[in-house]
Amino acid sequence: MKRFSILMAVLGFLLPAMAMAHGPTRQKVTLTTEVAAEPAEVWAAIGNFQDMSWHPAVAATNGEGGNELDATRVLSLGAADGPTIAEVLYKFSDEKMSYSYRITDVAVEVLPVTNYSSHLTVKPRDGGGSIVEWRGAFYRGYPNNDPPPELSDEAAINAVTGVYQQGLDALVEKFGAPNS
């Protein structure tokens, strides 16, 4: 009985400490926008994995494999010789007007995330036009406890939200907002 009491005392001390000593949790961001153009027109502009020229932050896209699974692309940001993000395509459907990709290489100073995957899709909107949805899941850029502010969950969420919002705003600018 004495051993059991000692064991319970040790567990009572360790379990709360273990619960607080976990690493980061997976974060998720989903943004949508509505545009006046029909889905096929929007998909024609954003549905080619090898061409991200529709996003204002992307200066150049270089890649291989087209829209086939395991196709790759490298996005140059700001300028053709600016920072880069390397990505791989792991799901693509022209029929569903969607594709999914993950980042294979990015400096956390460029985008403060790790283990990032994303899904971009175009759907018809009731009353005409389209809904564009961009969602992602990722971990913050700092894998351990007590991250610096620039690599925290909040920094990761804000950075991804900013990227998505900038791209979606560009689509509204290009295609216009639908009439209510």
N, C-alpha and C. Protein backbone atom coordinates (compact mmCIF):
# COMPACT_ATOMS: atom_id res chain seq x y z
N MET A 1 0.82 -1.19 0.00
CA MET A 1 0.00 0.00 0.00
C MET A 1 0.87 1.26 0.00
N LYS A 2 2.00 1.17 0.74
CA LYS A 2 2.90 2.31 0.80
C LYS A 2 3.47 2.63 -0.59
N ARG A 3 3.84 1.57 -1.35
CA ARG A 3 4.35 1.78 -2.72
C ARG A 3 3.30 2.46 -3.59
N PHE A 4 2.06 2.04 -3.47
CA PHE A 4 0.97 2.63 -4.25
C PHE A 4 0.83 4.11 -3.91
N SER A 5 0.92 4.46 -2.66
CA SER A 5 0.80 5.86 -2.24
C SER A 5 1.95 6.69 -2.80
N ILE A 6 3.15 6.12 -2.77
CA ILE A 6 4.31 6.84 -3.32
C ILE A 6 4.13 7.02 -4.83
N LEU A 7 3.69 5.97 -5.52
CA LEU A 7 3.46 6.04 -6.95
C LEU A 7 2.41 7.11 -7.28
N MET A 8 1.35 7.14 -6.54
CA MET A 8 0.29 8.13 -6.77
C MET A 8 0.81 9.55 -6.52
N ALA A 9 1.63 9.71 -5.51
CA ALA A 9 2.20 11.03 -5.23
C ALA A 9 3.11 11.49 -6.37
N VAL A 10 3.94 10.57 -6.87
CA VAL A 10 4.83 10.90 -7.99
C VAL A 10 4.01 11.24 -9.23
N LEU A 11 3.01 10.43 -9.55
CA LEU A 11 2.16 10.71 -10.71
C LEU A 11 1.40 12.03 -10.54
N GLY A 12 0.95 12.29 -9.35
CA GLY A 12 0.24 13.55 -9.08
C GLY A 12 1.11 14.76 -9.33
N PHE A 13 2.41 14.59 -9.14
CA PHE A 13 3.35 15.67 -9.41
C PHE A 13 3.73 15.75 -10.88
N LEU A 14 3.95 14.60 -11.52
CA LEU A 14 4.44 14.57 -12.89
C LEU A 14 3.38 14.86 -13.94
N LEU A 15 2.17 14.37 -13.75
CA LEU A 15 1.15 14.52 -14.79
C LEU A 15 0.84 15.97 -15.12
N PRO A 16 0.63 16.85 -14.14
CA PRO A 16 0.41 18.25 -14.51
C PRO A 16 1.61 18.86 -15.24
N ALA A 17 2.82 18.51 -14.80
CA ALA A 17 4.01 19.04 -15.48
C ALA A 17 4.10 18.52 -16.90
N MET A 18 3.75 17.26 -17.11
CA MET A 18 3.78 16.69 -18.46
C MET A 18 2.72 17.34 -19.34
N ALA A 19 1.57 17.63 -18.78
CA ALA A 19 0.50 18.25 -19.56
C ALA A 19 0.90 19.64 -20.03
N MET A 20 1.68 20.34 -19.23
CA MET A 20 2.10 21.69 -19.60
C MET A 20 3.31 21.68 -20.52
N ALA A 21 3.97 20.55 -20.67
CA ALA A 21 5.21 20.48 -21.43
C ALA A 21 5.01 19.99 -22.86
N HIS A 22 3.86 20.23 -23.41
CA HIS A 22 3.62 19.80 -24.79
C HIS A 22 4.15 20.85 -25.76
N GLY A 23 4.37 20.42 -26.97
CA GLY A 23 4.85 21.33 -28.00
C GLY A 23 3.69 22.09 -28.63
N PRO A 24 3.91 22.60 -29.82
CA PRO A 24 2.86 23.39 -30.48
C PRO A 24 1.69 22.54 -30.93
N THR A 25 0.56 23.20 -31.12
CA THR A 25 -0.64 22.53 -31.65
C THR A 25 -0.84 22.97 -33.09
N ARG A 26 -1.45 22.10 -33.87
CA ARG A 26 -1.72 22.39 -35.27
C ARG A 26 -2.71 23.55 -35.35
N GLN A 27 -2.38 24.52 -36.15
CA GLN A 27 -3.24 25.69 -36.36
C GLN A 27 -3.95 25.56 -37.71
N LYS A 28 -5.10 26.19 -37.83
CA LYS A 28 -5.86 26.13 -39.09
C LYS A 28 -6.38 27.51 -39.43
N VAL A 29 -6.35 27.81 -40.71
CA VAL A 29 -6.90 29.05 -41.23
C VAL A 29 -7.76 28.71 -42.44
N THR A 30 -8.97 29.25 -42.49
CA THR A 30 -9.84 29.12 -43.66
C THR A 30 -10.39 30.49 -43.99
N LEU A 31 -10.17 30.94 -45.21
CA LEU A 31 -10.74 32.20 -45.68
C LEU A 31 -11.50 31.93 -46.97
N THR A 32 -12.56 32.67 -47.17
CA THR A 32 -13.32 32.58 -48.41
C THR A 32 -13.60 33.99 -48.92
N THR A 33 -13.85 34.04 -50.21
CA THR A 33 -14.30 35.29 -50.81
C THR A 33 -15.28 34.94 -51.91
N GLU A 34 -16.08 35.91 -52.27
CA GLU A 34 -17.05 35.74 -53.36
C GLU A 34 -16.66 36.68 -54.49
N VAL A 35 -16.73 36.16 -55.71
CA VAL A 35 -16.42 36.97 -56.89
C VAL A 35 -17.55 36.83 -57.91
N ALA A 36 -17.64 37.80 -58.81
CA ALA A 36 -18.74 37.84 -59.78
C ALA A 36 -18.58 36.82 -60.90
N ALA A 37 -17.37 36.42 -61.22
CA ALA A 37 -17.13 35.50 -62.34
C ALA A 37 -17.61 34.09 -62.01
N GLU A 38 -17.97 33.37 -63.05
CA GLU A 38 -18.40 31.98 -62.88
C GLU A 38 -17.20 31.10 -62.52
N PRO A 39 -17.45 29.96 -61.85
CA PRO A 39 -16.35 29.11 -61.39
C PRO A 39 -15.34 28.73 -62.47
N ALA A 40 -15.79 28.39 -63.67
CA ALA A 40 -14.86 27.97 -64.72
C ALA A 40 -13.87 29.09 -65.06
N GLU A 41 -14.34 30.33 -65.06
CA GLU A 41 -13.46 31.46 -65.36
C GLU A 41 -12.44 31.69 -64.23
N VAL A 42 -12.91 31.57 -63.00
CA VAL A 42 -11.99 31.74 -61.86
C VAL A 42 -10.98 30.60 -61.84
N TRP A 43 -11.46 29.37 -62.06
CA TRP A 43 -10.56 28.22 -62.07
C TRP A 43 -9.51 28.34 -63.17
N ALA A 44 -9.90 28.88 -64.31
CA ALA A 44 -8.94 29.08 -65.40
C ALA A 44 -7.81 30.02 -64.96
N ALA A 45 -8.11 30.95 -64.07
CA ALA A 45 -7.09 31.91 -63.60
C ALA A 45 -6.22 31.35 -62.48
N ILE A 46 -6.78 30.48 -61.62
CA ILE A 46 -6.02 30.04 -60.44
C ILE A 46 -5.76 28.54 -60.39
N GLY A 47 -6.32 27.79 -61.31
CA GLY A 47 -6.28 26.33 -61.23
C GLY A 47 -5.03 25.65 -61.77
N ASN A 48 -4.09 26.42 -62.29
CA ASN A 48 -2.85 25.83 -62.78
C ASN A 48 -1.81 25.93 -61.66
N PHE A 49 -1.43 24.79 -61.10
CA PHE A 49 -0.46 24.76 -60.00
C PHE A 49 0.85 25.44 -60.37
N GLN A 50 1.21 25.43 -61.64
CA GLN A 50 2.47 26.00 -62.09
C GLN A 50 2.43 27.51 -62.29
N ASP A 51 1.27 28.13 -62.11
CA ASP A 51 1.14 29.56 -62.38
C ASP A 51 0.41 30.24 -61.22
N MET A 52 1.17 30.93 -60.38
CA MET A 52 0.54 31.66 -59.28
C MET A 52 0.67 33.16 -59.49
N SER A 53 0.70 33.56 -60.76
CA SER A 53 0.85 34.97 -61.08
C SER A 53 -0.35 35.80 -60.63
N TRP A 54 -1.45 35.16 -60.31
CA TRP A 54 -2.64 35.88 -59.82
C TRP A 54 -2.44 36.44 -58.41
N HIS A 55 -1.45 35.93 -57.68
CA HIS A 55 -1.21 36.41 -56.31
C HIS A 55 -0.19 37.54 -56.34
N PRO A 56 -0.52 38.70 -55.78
CA PRO A 56 0.38 39.86 -55.88
C PRO A 56 1.74 39.69 -55.21
N ALA A 57 1.88 38.79 -54.25
CA ALA A 57 3.16 38.61 -53.57
C ALA A 57 4.12 37.73 -54.37
N VAL A 58 3.61 37.04 -55.39
CA VAL A 58 4.43 36.10 -56.16
C VAL A 58 4.97 36.79 -57.41
N ALA A 59 6.29 36.92 -57.46
CA ALA A 59 6.94 37.56 -58.61
C ALA A 59 7.16 36.58 -59.74
N ALA A 60 7.41 35.30 -59.40
CA ALA A 60 7.67 34.28 -60.42
C ALA A 60 7.36 32.91 -59.83
N THR A 61 6.94 32.01 -60.73
CA THR A 61 6.71 30.62 -60.35
C THR A 61 7.49 29.74 -61.31
N ASN A 62 8.33 28.86 -60.77
CA ASN A 62 9.05 27.90 -61.58
C ASN A 62 8.74 26.52 -61.05
N GLY A 63 8.42 25.60 -61.95
CA GLY A 63 8.09 24.27 -61.46
C GLY A 63 8.19 23.20 -62.53
N GLU A 64 7.88 21.99 -62.09
CA GLU A 64 7.90 20.83 -62.98
C GLU A 64 6.72 19.94 -62.66
N GLY A 65 6.17 19.32 -63.68
CA GLY A 65 5.13 18.32 -63.48
C GLY A 65 3.72 18.78 -63.74
N GLY A 66 3.55 20.03 -64.15
CA GLY A 66 2.20 20.51 -64.46
C GLY A 66 1.27 20.41 -63.27
N ASN A 67 0.12 19.76 -63.50
CA ASN A 67 -0.87 19.56 -62.45
C ASN A 67 -0.95 18.10 -62.03
N GLU A 68 0.10 17.35 -62.33
CA GLU A 68 0.16 15.94 -61.94
C GLU A 68 0.55 15.83 -60.47
N LEU A 69 0.15 14.75 -59.82
CA LEU A 69 0.54 14.55 -58.44
C LEU A 69 2.05 14.52 -58.32
N ASP A 70 2.55 15.09 -57.26
CA ASP A 70 3.98 15.24 -56.98
C ASP A 70 4.66 16.29 -57.85
N ALA A 71 3.86 17.09 -58.57
CA ALA A 71 4.44 18.24 -59.29
C ALA A 71 5.03 19.19 -58.25
N THR A 72 6.04 19.93 -58.66
CA THR A 72 6.68 20.87 -57.75
C THR A 72 6.64 22.28 -58.32
N ARG A 73 6.73 23.24 -57.43
CA ARG A 73 6.87 24.63 -57.86
C ARG A 73 7.67 25.37 -56.80
N VAL A 74 8.36 26.41 -57.27
CA VAL A 74 9.08 27.31 -56.38
C VAL A 74 8.55 28.71 -56.64
N LEU A 75 8.01 29.31 -55.60
CA LEU A 75 7.48 30.66 -55.69
C LEU A 75 8.57 31.65 -55.29
N SER A 76 8.83 32.63 -56.12
CA SER A 76 9.74 33.72 -55.78
C SER A 76 8.88 34.89 -55.33
N LEU A 77 9.17 35.40 -54.17
CA LEU A 77 8.34 36.44 -53.56
C LEU A 77 8.97 37.81 -53.73
N GLY A 78 8.13 38.80 -54.01
CA GLY A 78 8.59 40.17 -54.09
C GLY A 78 9.31 40.51 -55.38
N ALA A 79 10.33 39.75 -55.71
CA ALA A 79 11.11 39.93 -56.94
C ALA A 79 11.57 38.55 -57.39
N ALA A 80 11.94 38.44 -58.64
CA ALA A 80 12.35 37.14 -59.18
C ALA A 80 13.51 36.53 -58.39
N ASP A 81 14.34 37.38 -57.77
CA ASP A 81 15.45 36.86 -56.97
C ASP A 81 15.17 37.00 -55.47
N GLY A 82 13.90 37.18 -55.12
CA GLY A 82 13.52 37.33 -53.72
C GLY A 82 13.47 36.01 -52.99
N PRO A 83 12.99 36.02 -51.75
CA PRO A 83 12.87 34.78 -50.99
C PRO A 83 11.95 33.79 -51.71
N THR A 84 12.14 32.50 -51.43
CA THR A 84 11.37 31.48 -52.14
C THR A 84 10.62 30.56 -51.19
N ILE A 85 9.61 29.94 -51.74
CA ILE A 85 8.85 28.89 -51.06
C ILE A 85 8.73 27.73 -52.04
N ALA A 86 9.18 26.55 -51.63
CA ALA A 86 9.08 25.35 -52.47
C ALA A 86 7.86 24.54 -52.02
N GLU A 87 7.09 24.06 -53.00
CA GLU A 87 5.84 23.35 -52.71
C GLU A 87 5.70 22.13 -53.61
N VAL A 88 4.88 21.18 -53.14
CA VAL A 88 4.58 19.98 -53.91
C VAL A 88 3.06 19.77 -53.92
N LEU A 89 2.56 19.37 -55.08
CA LEU A 89 1.13 19.11 -55.26
C LEU A 89 0.81 17.68 -54.85
N TYR A 90 -0.19 17.49 -53.99
CA TYR A 90 -0.53 16.12 -53.61
C TYR A 90 -1.98 15.74 -53.91
N LYS A 91 -2.78 16.68 -54.39
CA LYS A 91 -4.14 16.36 -54.81
C LYS A 91 -4.55 17.40 -55.84
N PHE A 92 -5.20 16.96 -56.92
CA PHE A 92 -5.65 17.88 -57.97
C PHE A 92 -6.89 17.33 -58.64
N SER A 93 -7.90 18.20 -58.83
CA SER A 93 -9.11 17.81 -59.53
C SER A 93 -9.66 18.99 -60.32
N ASP A 94 -9.55 18.87 -61.66
CA ASP A 94 -10.19 19.88 -62.51
C ASP A 94 -11.70 19.83 -62.33
N GLU A 95 -12.23 18.62 -62.21
CA GLU A 95 -13.68 18.44 -62.06
C GLU A 95 -14.22 19.13 -60.81
N LYS A 96 -13.50 18.98 -59.70
CA LYS A 96 -13.93 19.60 -58.44
C LYS A 96 -13.36 21.01 -58.27
N MET A 97 -12.56 21.44 -59.24
CA MET A 97 -11.91 22.75 -59.21
C MET A 97 -11.19 22.96 -57.88
N SER A 98 -10.29 22.05 -57.58
CA SER A 98 -9.55 22.16 -56.33
C SER A 98 -8.18 21.49 -56.45
N TYR A 99 -7.25 21.98 -55.64
CA TYR A 99 -5.98 21.30 -55.50
C TYR A 99 -5.44 21.50 -54.09
N SER A 100 -4.59 20.56 -53.68
CA SER A 100 -3.97 20.59 -52.37
C SER A 100 -2.46 20.47 -52.54
N TYR A 101 -1.75 21.20 -51.72
CA TYR A 101 -0.30 21.20 -51.81
C TYR A 101 0.30 21.37 -50.41
N ARG A 102 1.59 21.10 -50.31
CA ARG A 102 2.28 21.35 -49.04
C ARG A 102 3.61 22.03 -49.33
N ILE A 103 4.06 22.78 -48.35
CA ILE A 103 5.36 23.43 -48.45
C ILE A 103 6.43 22.40 -48.11
N THR A 104 7.44 22.33 -48.96
CA THR A 104 8.56 21.43 -48.69
C THR A 104 9.79 22.19 -48.20
N ASP A 105 9.84 23.49 -48.47
CA ASP A 105 10.98 24.27 -48.01
C ASP A 105 10.63 25.75 -47.97
N VAL A 106 10.77 26.34 -46.78
CA VAL A 106 10.61 27.78 -46.62
C VAL A 106 11.35 28.19 -45.35
N ALA A 107 12.02 29.31 -45.40
CA ALA A 107 12.67 29.85 -44.20
C ALA A 107 11.59 30.43 -43.29
N VAL A 108 11.70 30.15 -42.00
CA VAL A 108 10.67 30.67 -41.08
C VAL A 108 10.69 32.19 -41.01
N GLU A 109 11.77 32.81 -41.48
CA GLU A 109 11.79 34.28 -41.55
C GLU A 109 10.89 34.77 -42.68
N VAL A 110 10.64 33.94 -43.66
CA VAL A 110 9.77 34.29 -44.80
C VAL A 110 8.31 34.01 -44.45
N LEU A 111 8.04 32.83 -43.95
CA LEU A 111 6.70 32.43 -43.51
C LEU A 111 6.91 31.60 -42.24
N PRO A 112 6.46 32.10 -41.09
CA PRO A 112 6.80 31.46 -39.81
C PRO A 112 5.97 30.21 -39.51
N VAL A 113 6.07 29.22 -40.39
CA VAL A 113 5.30 27.98 -40.24
C VAL A 113 6.18 26.77 -40.51
N THR A 114 5.72 25.62 -40.02
CA THR A 114 6.31 24.33 -40.37
C THR A 114 5.16 23.38 -40.66
N ASN A 115 5.47 22.31 -41.37
CA ASN A 115 4.46 21.26 -41.69
C ASN A 115 3.17 21.88 -42.24
N TYR A 116 3.31 22.73 -43.22
CA TYR A 116 2.19 23.47 -43.80
C TYR A 116 1.59 22.69 -44.97
N SER A 117 0.27 22.57 -44.96
CA SER A 117 -0.45 22.05 -46.13
C SER A 117 -1.64 22.95 -46.38
N SER A 118 -2.08 23.00 -47.64
CA SER A 118 -3.12 23.94 -48.01
C SER A 118 -4.02 23.36 -49.09
N HIS A 119 -5.21 23.91 -49.18
CA HIS A 119 -6.22 23.47 -50.15
C HIS A 119 -6.89 24.71 -50.73
N LEU A 120 -6.96 24.78 -52.04
CA LEU A 120 -7.58 25.89 -52.75
C LEU A 120 -8.70 25.33 -53.61
N THR A 121 -9.89 25.92 -53.51
CA THR A 121 -11.02 25.40 -54.28
C THR A 121 -11.93 26.54 -54.74
N VAL A 122 -12.62 26.29 -55.85
CA VAL A 122 -13.60 27.23 -56.40
C VAL A 122 -14.93 26.50 -56.47
N LYS A 123 -15.99 27.15 -55.96
CA LYS A 123 -17.33 26.56 -55.95
C LYS A 123 -18.32 27.56 -56.54
N PRO A 124 -19.42 27.05 -57.09
CA PRO A 124 -20.45 27.97 -57.56
C PRO A 124 -21.13 28.67 -56.39
N ARG A 125 -21.52 29.90 -56.62
CA ARG A 125 -22.21 30.70 -55.61
C ARG A 125 -23.70 30.75 -55.96
N ASP A 126 -24.55 30.56 -54.97
CA ASP A 126 -25.99 30.71 -55.21
C ASP A 126 -26.25 32.11 -55.75
N GLY A 127 -26.98 32.22 -56.83
CA GLY A 127 -27.27 33.51 -57.43
C GLY A 127 -26.23 33.95 -58.45
N GLY A 128 -25.26 33.09 -58.76
CA GLY A 128 -24.23 33.42 -59.75
C GLY A 128 -22.92 33.81 -59.12
N GLY A 129 -21.88 33.67 -59.88
CA GLY A 129 -20.55 33.97 -59.37
C GLY A 129 -19.91 32.76 -58.71
N SER A 130 -18.88 33.01 -57.95
CA SER A 130 -18.10 31.93 -57.36
C SER A 130 -17.73 32.23 -55.92
N ILE A 131 -17.47 31.17 -55.21
CA ILE A 131 -16.87 31.25 -53.87
C ILE A 131 -15.50 30.60 -53.99
N VAL A 132 -14.49 31.31 -53.57
CA VAL A 132 -13.13 30.78 -53.54
C VAL A 132 -12.78 30.55 -52.08
N GLU A 133 -12.36 29.31 -51.78
CA GLU A 133 -11.97 28.97 -50.42
C GLU A 133 -10.50 28.57 -50.41
N TRP A 134 -9.76 29.12 -49.46
CA TRP A 134 -8.35 28.80 -49.28
C TRP A 134 -8.17 28.44 -47.83
N ARG A 135 -7.76 27.22 -47.58
CA ARG A 135 -7.58 26.79 -46.19
C ARG A 135 -6.25 26.10 -46.03
N GLY A 136 -5.73 26.22 -44.83
CA GLY A 136 -4.44 25.61 -44.55
C GLY A 136 -4.34 25.13 -43.12
N ALA A 137 -3.43 24.22 -42.90
CA ALA A 137 -3.12 23.71 -41.56
C ALA A 137 -1.60 23.68 -41.44
N PHE A 138 -1.10 24.00 -40.25
CA PHE A 138 0.34 24.18 -40.09
C PHE A 138 0.67 24.26 -38.60
N TYR A 139 1.94 24.17 -38.32
CA TYR A 139 2.46 24.43 -36.99
C TYR A 139 3.25 25.73 -37.05
N ARG A 140 3.38 26.37 -35.91
CA ARG A 140 4.18 27.60 -35.83
C ARG A 140 5.62 27.31 -36.23
N GLY A 141 6.36 28.37 -36.47
CA GLY A 141 7.73 28.23 -36.93
C GLY A 141 8.71 27.77 -35.88
N TYR A 142 8.34 27.81 -34.61
CA TYR A 142 9.23 27.39 -33.52
C TYR A 142 8.64 26.13 -32.90
N PRO A 143 9.33 25.00 -32.99
CA PRO A 143 8.74 23.73 -32.59
C PRO A 143 8.71 23.47 -31.08
N ASN A 144 9.44 24.25 -30.30
CA ASN A 144 9.52 24.00 -28.86
C ASN A 144 8.59 24.93 -28.08
N ASN A 145 8.58 24.75 -26.78
CA ASN A 145 7.80 25.64 -25.92
C ASN A 145 8.43 27.02 -25.87
N ASP A 146 7.64 28.00 -25.48
CA ASP A 146 8.09 29.38 -25.31
C ASP A 146 8.74 29.96 -26.57
N PRO A 147 7.99 30.00 -27.69
CA PRO A 147 8.57 30.54 -28.93
C PRO A 147 8.78 32.05 -28.83
N PRO A 148 9.73 32.56 -29.59
CA PRO A 148 9.85 34.02 -29.69
C PRO A 148 8.61 34.55 -30.40
N PRO A 149 8.24 35.79 -30.17
CA PRO A 149 6.99 36.33 -30.74
C PRO A 149 6.87 36.16 -32.26
N GLU A 150 7.98 36.30 -32.99
CA GLU A 150 7.91 36.21 -34.45
C GLU A 150 7.73 34.78 -34.97
N LEU A 151 7.80 33.77 -34.09
CA LEU A 151 7.62 32.38 -34.49
C LEU A 151 6.52 31.70 -33.68
N SER A 152 5.64 32.48 -33.11
CA SER A 152 4.56 31.98 -32.25
C SER A 152 3.36 31.52 -33.08
N ASP A 153 2.40 30.89 -32.41
CA ASP A 153 1.14 30.51 -33.07
C ASP A 153 0.48 31.74 -33.69
N GLU A 154 0.43 32.82 -32.91
CA GLU A 154 -0.20 34.05 -33.40
C GLU A 154 0.49 34.59 -34.65
N ALA A 155 1.82 34.57 -34.65
CA ALA A 155 2.56 35.05 -35.83
C ALA A 155 2.28 34.18 -37.04
N ALA A 156 2.22 32.86 -36.83
CA ALA A 156 1.95 31.93 -37.94
C ALA A 156 0.55 32.17 -38.50
N ILE A 157 -0.43 32.26 -37.61
CA ILE A 157 -1.82 32.48 -38.05
C ILE A 157 -1.93 33.81 -38.79
N ASN A 158 -1.34 34.86 -38.25
CA ASN A 158 -1.40 36.18 -38.90
C ASN A 158 -0.72 36.16 -40.27
N ALA A 159 0.41 35.48 -40.38
CA ALA A 159 1.13 35.44 -41.66
C ALA A 159 0.32 34.69 -42.71
N VAL A 160 -0.20 33.52 -42.36
CA VAL A 160 -0.98 32.74 -43.33
C VAL A 160 -2.27 33.48 -43.69
N THR A 161 -2.93 34.05 -42.71
CA THR A 161 -4.14 34.84 -42.98
C THR A 161 -3.82 35.98 -43.94
N GLY A 162 -2.70 36.66 -43.73
CA GLY A 162 -2.31 37.75 -44.61
C GLY A 162 -2.06 37.30 -46.04
N VAL A 163 -1.38 36.17 -46.21
CA VAL A 163 -1.13 35.62 -47.55
C VAL A 163 -2.45 35.30 -48.23
N TYR A 164 -3.33 34.60 -47.53
CA TYR A 164 -4.61 34.21 -48.12
C TYR A 164 -5.44 35.45 -48.46
N GLN A 165 -5.52 36.40 -47.52
CA GLN A 165 -6.35 37.58 -47.75
C GLN A 165 -5.85 38.39 -48.93
N GLN A 166 -4.53 38.54 -49.05
CA GLN A 166 -3.96 39.29 -50.18
C GLN A 166 -4.32 38.62 -51.51
N GLY A 167 -4.23 37.31 -51.56
CA GLY A 167 -4.58 36.59 -52.78
C GLY A 167 -6.06 36.68 -53.10
N LEU A 168 -6.90 36.49 -52.10
CA LEU A 168 -8.35 36.56 -52.33
C LEU A 168 -8.79 37.97 -52.70
N ASP A 169 -8.19 38.98 -52.07
CA ASP A 169 -8.50 40.37 -52.45
C ASP A 169 -8.14 40.63 -53.91
N ALA A 170 -7.02 40.06 -54.37
CA ALA A 170 -6.62 40.23 -55.77
C ALA A 170 -7.66 39.60 -56.72
N LEU A 171 -8.26 38.49 -56.29
CA LEU A 171 -9.28 37.86 -57.13
C LEU A 171 -10.55 38.72 -57.20
N VAL A 172 -10.92 39.34 -56.09
CA VAL A 172 -12.08 40.25 -56.11
C VAL A 172 -11.78 41.44 -56.99
N GLU A 173 -10.55 41.94 -56.93
CA GLU A 173 -10.17 43.05 -57.80
C GLU A 173 -10.23 42.65 -59.26
N LYS A 174 -9.78 41.46 -59.57
CA LYS A 174 -9.76 40.96 -60.97
C LYS A 174 -11.16 40.67 -61.50
N PHE A 175 -11.98 40.01 -60.70
CA PHE A 175 -13.28 39.52 -61.19
C PHE A 175 -14.46 40.35 -60.69
N GLY A 176 -14.26 41.20 -59.74
CA GLY A 176 -15.34 41.99 -59.18
C GLY A 176 -16.13 41.22 -58.13
N ALA A 177 -16.80 41.96 -57.28
CA ALA A 177 -17.66 41.34 -56.26
C ALA A 177 -19.03 41.06 -56.87
N PRO A 178 -19.67 40.00 -56.44
CA PRO A 178 -20.99 39.69 -57.00
C PRO A 178 -22.04 40.67 -56.51
N ASN A 179 -23.08 40.82 -57.30
CA ASN A 179 -24.22 41.62 -56.85
C ASN A 179 -24.99 40.83 -55.81
N SER A 180 -25.46 41.47 -54.81
CA SER A 180 -26.15 40.76 -53.72
C SER A 180 -27.41 40.14 -54.13
